[in-house]
Amino acid sequence: MLLCVVAVIAVAAITAFSIHGHIENKKELEQERIEAAYLSLNYALGATPVKIGPLIDQYYLSYRPLESDEYNEYGVNFSIYMYLKFYEQQTGNVLPYGLIADYLSTEYEPDGSLRLYNNGLHPEIQAYVDWAWGKMPEMEQYIDSIENVYADYTFDNKNEWPSPPNIVNLSPQMLDELAKKVDDPAYDMDLISLQKQGY
């Protein structure tokens, strides 16, 4: 009888240990899945460890234009805006900057679950992130092209525009013009007129 009780207790203990191990393993796998989703999105937005510090790339990075020097007076992050322009140029798909800003504005979905780009609720963002993975060198080259076009324009118009703003402080309308010029070198870009109009 005592042997049966000991056997039952041993089986119960082994079962409990096994269930506990299974639950812990499931939690670890879920945490890895969440970190992988954050890593993919943050990479696609240019928030790599080189730029913002080690390990942070696996966590939620919020959109706080009023609290960060990474955003200009228009609430725009220059790099992210231009990555989206490159995505449009390469795929024909338009992912509005405002959609990214809205997505990043909260860590959680309305139902309280974590907001992850690949949870089935954000197909446009998932399409962009899936496309962007591994393309950061090309995306950075595109930004270099944008910066070169802007430098040429400011040099060519230095008499009429002696104090042009830093490129990261340009309005979305001006950034759109730069993207058009990179896509079509014959495009007649006029940033000075846009600035005079308040853009």
C-alpha atoms as a PDB file:
ATOM      1  CA  MET A   1       0.000   0.000   0.000  1.00  0.00           C
ATOM      2  CA  LEU A   2       2.783   2.384   0.998  1.00  0.00           C
ATOM      3  CA  LEU A   3       4.597   1.465  -2.185  1.00  0.00           C
ATOM      4  CA  CYS A   4       1.497   2.373  -4.246  1.00  0.00           C
ATOM      5  CA  VAL A   5       1.210   5.757  -2.498  1.00  0.00           C
ATOM      6  CA  VAL A   6       4.902   6.457  -3.126  1.00  0.00           C
ATOM      7  CA  ALA A   7       4.492   5.429  -6.775  1.00  0.00           C
ATOM      8  CA  VAL A   8       1.449   7.679  -7.201  1.00  0.00           C
ATOM      9  CA  ILE A   9       3.308  10.603  -5.582  1.00  0.00           C
ATOM     10  CA  ALA A  10       6.348   9.975  -7.806  1.00  0.00           C
ATOM     11  CA  VAL A  11       4.212   9.841 -10.964  1.00  0.00           C
ATOM     12  CA  ALA A  12       2.381  13.008  -9.893  1.00  0.00           C
ATOM     13  CA  ALA A  13       5.680  14.781  -9.223  1.00  0.00           C
ATOM     14  CA  ILE A  14       7.127  13.712 -12.582  1.00  0.00           C
ATOM     15  CA  THR A  15       3.936  14.768 -14.363  1.00  0.00           C
ATOM     16  CA  ALA A  16       3.903  18.138 -12.589  1.00  0.00           C
ATOM     17  CA  PHE A  17       7.581  18.681 -13.405  1.00  0.00           C
ATOM     18  CA  SER A  18       6.959  17.748 -17.037  1.00  0.00           C
ATOM     19  CA  ILE A  19       3.958  20.088 -17.282  1.00  0.00           C
ATOM     20  CA  HIS A  20       5.945  22.886 -15.650  1.00  0.00           C
ATOM     21  CA  GLY A  21       8.821  22.310 -18.083  1.00  0.00           C
ATOM     22  CA  HIS A  22       6.412  22.326 -21.016  1.00  0.00           C
ATOM     23  CA  ILE A  23       4.832  25.600 -19.819  1.00  0.00           C
ATOM     24  CA  GLU A  24       8.249  27.218 -19.344  1.00  0.00           C
ATOM     25  CA  ASN A  25       9.377  26.033 -22.759  1.00  0.00           C
ATOM     26  CA  LYS A  26       6.194  27.460 -24.291  1.00  0.00           C
ATOM     27  CA  LYS A  27       6.823  30.813 -22.548  1.00  0.00           C
ATOM     28  CA  GLU A  28      10.395  30.895 -23.855  1.00  0.00           C
ATOM     29  CA  LEU A  29       9.246  30.130 -27.400  1.00  0.00           C
ATOM     30  CA  GLU A  30       6.602  32.861 -27.184  1.00  0.00           C
ATOM     31  CA  GLN A  31       9.167  35.357 -25.895  1.00  0.00           C
ATOM     32  CA  GLU A  32      11.515  34.443 -28.754  1.00  0.00           C
ATOM     33  CA  ARG A  33       8.656  34.913 -31.242  1.00  0.00           C
ATOM     34  CA  ILE A  34       7.884  38.374 -29.808  1.00  0.00           C
ATOM     35  CA  GLU A  35      11.545  39.412 -29.842  1.00  0.00           C
ATOM     36  CA  ALA A  36      11.925  38.186 -33.429  1.00  0.00           C
ATOM     37  CA  ALA A  37       8.900  40.267 -34.491  1.00  0.00           C
ATOM     38  CA  TYR A  38      10.305  43.389 -32.815  1.00  0.00           C
ATOM     39  CA  LEU A  39      13.739  42.742 -34.299  1.00  0.00           C
ATOM     40  CA  SER A  40      12.310  42.434 -37.825  1.00  0.00           C
ATOM     41  CA  LEU A  41      10.218  45.593 -37.560  1.00  0.00           C
ATOM     42  CA  ASN A  42      12.961  47.632 -35.904  1.00  0.00           C
ATOM     43  CA  TYR A  43      15.446  46.506 -38.541  1.00  0.00           C
ATOM     44  CA  ALA A  44      13.020  47.532 -41.304  1.00  0.00           C
ATOM     45  CA  LEU A  45      12.746  50.980 -39.702  1.00  0.00           C
ATOM     46  CA  GLY A  46      16.496  51.389 -39.357  1.00  0.00           C
ATOM     47  CA  ALA A  47      16.579  51.006 -35.562  1.00  0.00           C
ATOM     48  CA  THR A  48      19.588  48.723 -35.475  1.00  0.00           C
ATOM     49  CA  PRO A  49      21.944  48.147 -32.532  1.00  0.00           C
ATOM     50  CA  VAL A  50      24.578  50.257 -34.269  1.00  0.00           C
ATOM     51  CA  LYS A  51      22.286  53.266 -34.108  1.00  0.00           C
ATOM     52  CA  ILE A  52      20.507  52.886 -30.796  1.00  0.00           C
ATOM     53  CA  GLY A  53      22.491  50.566 -28.568  1.00  0.00           C
ATOM     54  CA  PRO A  54      22.767  46.830 -27.985  1.00  0.00           C
ATOM     55  CA  LEU A  55      19.732  44.599 -27.394  1.00  0.00           C
ATOM     56  CA  ILE A  56      17.155  47.377 -27.686  1.00  0.00           C
ATOM     57  CA  ASP A  57      16.389  46.181 -31.212  1.00  0.00           C
ATOM     58  CA  GLN A  58      14.398  43.272 -29.774  1.00  0.00           C
ATOM     59  CA  TYR A  59      11.931  45.444 -27.883  1.00  0.00           C
ATOM     60  CA  TYR A  60       9.054  47.775 -28.608  1.00  0.00           C
ATOM     61  CA  LEU A  61      10.214  51.164 -29.863  1.00  0.00           C
ATOM     62  CA  SER A  62       7.456  53.719 -29.571  1.00  0.00           C
ATOM     63  CA  TYR A  63       6.699  56.652 -31.842  1.00  0.00           C
ATOM     64  CA  ARG A  64       7.219  59.805 -29.777  1.00  0.00           C
ATOM     65  CA  PRO A  65       7.865  62.716 -32.149  1.00  0.00           C
ATOM     66  CA  LEU A  66       7.445  65.328 -29.435  1.00  0.00           C
ATOM     67  CA  GLU A  67       9.888  63.636 -27.071  1.00  0.00           C
ATOM     68  CA  SER A  68      12.723  62.811 -29.426  1.00  0.00           C
ATOM     69  CA  ASP A  69      15.235  64.607 -31.589  1.00  0.00           C
ATOM     70  CA  GLU A  70      14.806  61.797 -34.137  1.00  0.00           C
ATOM     71  CA  TYR A  71      11.688  63.551 -35.480  1.00  0.00           C
ATOM     72  CA  ASN A  72      11.482  66.963 -37.107  1.00  0.00           C
ATOM     73  CA  GLU A  73       8.878  69.681 -36.564  1.00  0.00           C
ATOM     74  CA  TYR A  74       6.543  67.834 -38.951  1.00  0.00           C
ATOM     75  CA  GLY A  75       6.677  64.721 -36.739  1.00  0.00           C
ATOM     76  CA  VAL A  76       8.684  62.921 -39.404  1.00  0.00           C
ATOM     77  CA  ASN A  77      11.735  60.723 -39.029  1.00  0.00           C
ATOM     78  CA  PHE A  78      13.762  61.398 -42.177  1.00  0.00           C
ATOM     79  CA  SER A  79      15.205  57.881 -42.534  1.00  0.00           C
ATOM     80  CA  ILE A  80      11.914  56.061 -42.023  1.00  0.00           C
ATOM     81  CA  TYR A  81      10.156  58.400 -44.445  1.00  0.00           C
ATOM     82  CA  MET A  82      12.762  57.750 -47.118  1.00  0.00           C
ATOM     83  CA  TYR A  83      12.764  53.976 -46.513  1.00  0.00           C
ATOM     84  CA  LEU A  84       9.049  54.033 -47.283  1.00  0.00           C
ATOM     85  CA  LYS A  85       9.730  56.031 -50.449  1.00  0.00           C
ATOM     86  CA  PHE A  86      12.314  53.454 -51.521  1.00  0.00           C
ATOM     87  CA  TYR A  87       9.807  50.671 -50.816  1.00  0.00           C
ATOM     88  CA  GLU A  88       7.291  52.470 -53.037  1.00  0.00           C
ATOM     89  CA  GLN A  89       9.884  52.946 -55.770  1.00  0.00           C
ATOM     90  CA  GLN A  90      10.908  49.286 -55.691  1.00  0.00           C
ATOM     91  CA  THR A  91       7.502  47.623 -55.310  1.00  0.00           C
ATOM     92  CA  GLY A  92       4.859  50.139 -56.362  1.00  0.00           C
ATOM     93  CA  ASN A  93       3.217  49.652 -52.959  1.00  0.00           C
ATOM     94  CA  VAL A  94       2.450  52.785 -50.973  1.00  0.00           C
ATOM     95  CA  LEU A  95       2.777  52.512 -47.196  1.00  0.00           C
ATOM     96  CA  PRO A  96       1.790  55.931 -45.812  1.00  0.00           C
ATOM     97  CA  TYR A  97       4.088  57.309 -43.150  1.00  0.00           C
ATOM     98  CA  GLY A  98       1.037  58.060 -40.996  1.00  0.00           C
ATOM     99  CA  LEU A  99       0.179  54.359 -40.912  1.00  0.00           C
ATOM    100  CA  ILE A 100       3.618  53.562 -39.474  1.00  0.00           C
ATOM    101  CA  ALA A 101       3.284  56.417 -36.965  1.00  0.00           C
ATOM    102  CA  ASP A 102      -0.141  55.153 -35.897  1.00  0.00           C
ATOM    103  CA  TYR A 103       1.106  51.573 -35.637  1.00  0.00           C
ATOM    104  CA  LEU A 104       4.006  52.634 -33.403  1.00  0.00           C
ATOM    105  CA  SER A 105       1.844  54.892 -31.240  1.00  0.00           C
ATOM    106  CA  THR A 106       0.862  52.083 -28.894  1.00  0.00           C
ATOM    107  CA  GLU A 107       2.420  48.832 -27.771  1.00  0.00           C
ATOM    108  CA  TYR A 108      -0.908  47.011 -27.512  1.00  0.00           C
ATOM    109  CA  GLU A 109      -3.875  46.196 -29.701  1.00  0.00           C
ATOM    110  CA  PRO A 110      -7.351  47.309 -28.566  1.00  0.00           C
ATOM    111  CA  ASP A 111      -7.950  43.813 -27.153  1.00  0.00           C
ATOM    112  CA  GLY A 112      -4.872  44.141 -24.895  1.00  0.00           C
ATOM    113  CA  SER A 113      -2.626  41.793 -26.876  1.00  0.00           C
ATOM    114  CA  LEU A 114       0.830  42.911 -27.949  1.00  0.00           C
ATOM    115  CA  ARG A 115       0.882  44.819 -31.210  1.00  0.00           C
ATOM    116  CA  LEU A 116       3.103  42.761 -33.510  1.00  0.00           C
ATOM    117  CA  TYR A 117       3.391  43.529 -37.214  1.00  0.00           C
ATOM    118  CA  ASN A 118       2.786  39.857 -38.095  1.00  0.00           C
ATOM    119  CA  ASN A 119      -0.311  39.204 -35.967  1.00  0.00           C
ATOM    120  CA  GLY A 120      -2.598  39.312 -39.008  1.00  0.00           C
ATOM    121  CA  LEU A 121      -3.978  42.782 -38.231  1.00  0.00           C
ATOM    122  CA  HIS A 122      -1.383  44.841 -40.126  1.00  0.00           C
ATOM    123  CA  PRO A 123      -0.911  43.302 -43.602  1.00  0.00           C
ATOM    124  CA  GLU A 124       0.518  46.486 -45.166  1.00  0.00           C
ATOM    125  CA  ILE A 125       3.193  46.753 -42.493  1.00  0.00           C
ATOM    126  CA  GLN A 126       3.929  43.029 -42.664  1.00  0.00           C
ATOM    127  CA  ALA A 127       4.405  43.286 -46.442  1.00  0.00           C
ATOM    128  CA  TYR A 128       6.895  46.121 -45.938  1.00  0.00           C
ATOM    129  CA  VAL A 129       8.835  44.362 -43.152  1.00  0.00           C
ATOM    130  CA  ASP A 130       9.003  41.104 -45.098  1.00  0.00           C
ATOM    131  CA  TRP A 131      10.289  43.024 -48.139  1.00  0.00           C
ATOM    132  CA  ALA A 132      12.810  45.093 -46.151  1.00  0.00           C
ATOM    133  CA  TRP A 133      14.548  42.201 -44.408  1.00  0.00           C
ATOM    134  CA  GLY A 134      18.120  42.086 -45.686  1.00  0.00           C
ATOM    135  CA  LYS A 135      17.750  45.242 -47.774  1.00  0.00           C
ATOM    136  CA  MET A 136      19.223  47.771 -45.348  1.00  0.00           C
ATOM    137  CA  PRO A 137      22.389  48.313 -47.449  1.00  0.00           C
ATOM    138  CA  GLU A 138      20.231  49.184 -50.486  1.00  0.00           C
ATOM    139  CA  MET A 139      17.981  51.383 -48.360  1.00  0.00           C
ATOM    140  CA  GLU A 140      20.995  53.271 -47.010  1.00  0.00           C
ATOM    141  CA  GLN A 141      22.314  53.739 -50.561  1.00  0.00           C
ATOM    142  CA  TYR A 142      18.959  55.235 -51.492  1.00  0.00           C
ATOM    143  CA  ILE A 143      19.235  57.697 -48.596  1.00  0.00           C
ATOM    144  CA  ASP A 144      22.748  58.587 -49.801  1.00  0.00           C
ATOM    145  CA  SER A 145      21.262  59.325 -53.240  1.00  0.00           C
ATOM    146  CA  ILE A 146      18.599  61.551 -51.663  1.00  0.00           C
ATOM    147  CA  GLU A 147      21.263  63.420 -49.675  1.00  0.00           C
ATOM    148  CA  ASN A 148      23.410  63.881 -52.792  1.00  0.00           C
ATOM    149  CA  VAL A 149      20.495  65.290 -54.785  1.00  0.00           C
ATOM    150  CA  TYR A 150      19.738  67.703 -51.955  1.00  0.00           C
ATOM    151  CA  ALA A 151      23.382  68.767 -51.693  1.00  0.00           C
ATOM    152  CA  ASP A 152      23.506  69.426 -55.444  1.00  0.00           C
ATOM    153  CA  TYR A 153      20.278  71.409 -55.314  1.00  0.00           C
ATOM    154  CA  THR A 154      21.395  73.586 -52.414  1.00  0.00           C
ATOM    155  CA  PHE A 155      24.745  74.212 -54.108  1.00  0.00           C
ATOM    156  CA  ASP A 156      23.112  75.102 -57.436  1.00  0.00           C
ATOM    157  CA  ASN A 157      20.725  77.493 -55.663  1.00  0.00           C
ATOM    158  CA  LYS A 158      23.070  78.922 -53.017  1.00  0.00           C
ATOM    159  CA  ASN A 159      22.449  82.528 -54.118  1.00  0.00           C
ATOM    160  CA  GLU A 160      18.672  82.228 -54.007  1.00  0.00           C
ATOM    161  CA  TRP A 161      18.651  79.914 -50.976  1.00  0.00           C
ATOM    162  CA  PRO A 162      21.611  80.887 -48.771  1.00  0.00           C
ATOM    163  CA  SER A 163      20.340  79.129 -45.616  1.00  0.00           C
ATOM    164  CA  PRO A 164      18.609  75.902 -46.605  1.00  0.00           C
ATOM    165  CA  PRO A 165      17.330  73.700 -43.766  1.00  0.00           C
ATOM    166  CA  ASN A 166      19.126  70.534 -42.789  1.00  0.00           C
ATOM    167  CA  ILE A 167      17.761  67.665 -44.857  1.00  0.00           C
ATOM    168  CA  VAL A 168      16.340  65.896 -41.801  1.00  0.00           C
ATOM    169  CA  ASN A 169      14.183  68.971 -41.108  1.00  0.00           C
ATOM    170  CA  LEU A 170      12.487  69.065 -44.505  1.00  0.00           C
ATOM    171  CA  SER A 171       8.723  68.776 -44.846  1.00  0.00           C
ATOM    172  CA  PRO A 172       7.136  65.629 -46.288  1.00  0.00           C
ATOM    173  CA  GLN A 173       6.347  67.588 -49.465  1.00  0.00           C
ATOM    174  CA  MET A 174      10.028  68.459 -49.920  1.00  0.00           C
ATOM    175  CA  LEU A 175      11.084  64.894 -49.205  1.00  0.00           C
ATOM    176  CA  ASP A 176       8.587  63.710 -51.832  1.00  0.00           C
ATOM    177  CA  GLU A 177      10.202  66.072 -54.326  1.00  0.00           C
ATOM    178  CA  LEU A 178      13.648  64.679 -53.561  1.00  0.00           C
ATOM    179  CA  ALA A 179      12.346  61.142 -54.075  1.00  0.00           C
ATOM    180  CA  LYS A 180      10.874  62.138 -57.445  1.00  0.00           C
ATOM    181  CA  LYS A 181      14.206  63.659 -58.488  1.00  0.00           C
ATOM    182  CA  VAL A 182      16.123  60.504 -57.522  1.00  0.00           C
ATOM    183  CA  ASP A 183      13.618  58.392 -59.457  1.00  0.00           C
ATOM    184  CA  ASP A 184      13.797  60.712 -62.479  1.00  0.00           C
ATOM    185  CA  PRO A 185      16.919  62.909 -62.793  1.00  0.00           C
ATOM    186  CA  ALA A 186      15.127  65.016 -65.434  1.00  0.00           C
ATOM    187  CA  TYR A 187      12.399  65.958 -62.945  1.00  0.00           C
ATOM    188  CA  ASP A 188      12.234  69.739 -62.364  1.00  0.00           C
ATOM    189  CA  MET A 189      12.373  70.037 -58.579  1.00  0.00           C
ATOM    190  CA  ASP A 190      11.657  73.360 -56.856  1.00  0.00           C
ATOM    191  CA  LEU A 191      12.169  73.131 -53.088  1.00  0.00           C
ATOM    192  CA  ILE A 192      12.525  76.898 -52.686  1.00  0.00           C
ATOM    193  CA  SER A 193       8.983  77.502 -53.929  1.00  0.00           C
ATOM    194  CA  LEU A 194       7.670  74.823 -51.577  1.00  0.00           C
ATOM    195  CA  GLN A 195       9.376  76.501 -48.628  1.00  0.00           C
ATOM    196  CA  LYS A 196       7.914  79.881 -49.629  1.00  0.00           C
ATOM    197  CA  GLN A 197       4.461  78.271 -49.683  1.00  0.00           C
ATOM    198  CA  GLY A 198       4.983  77.024 -46.128  1.00  0.00           C
ATOM    199  CA  TYR A 199       5.931  73.492 -46.986  1.00  0.00           C
END
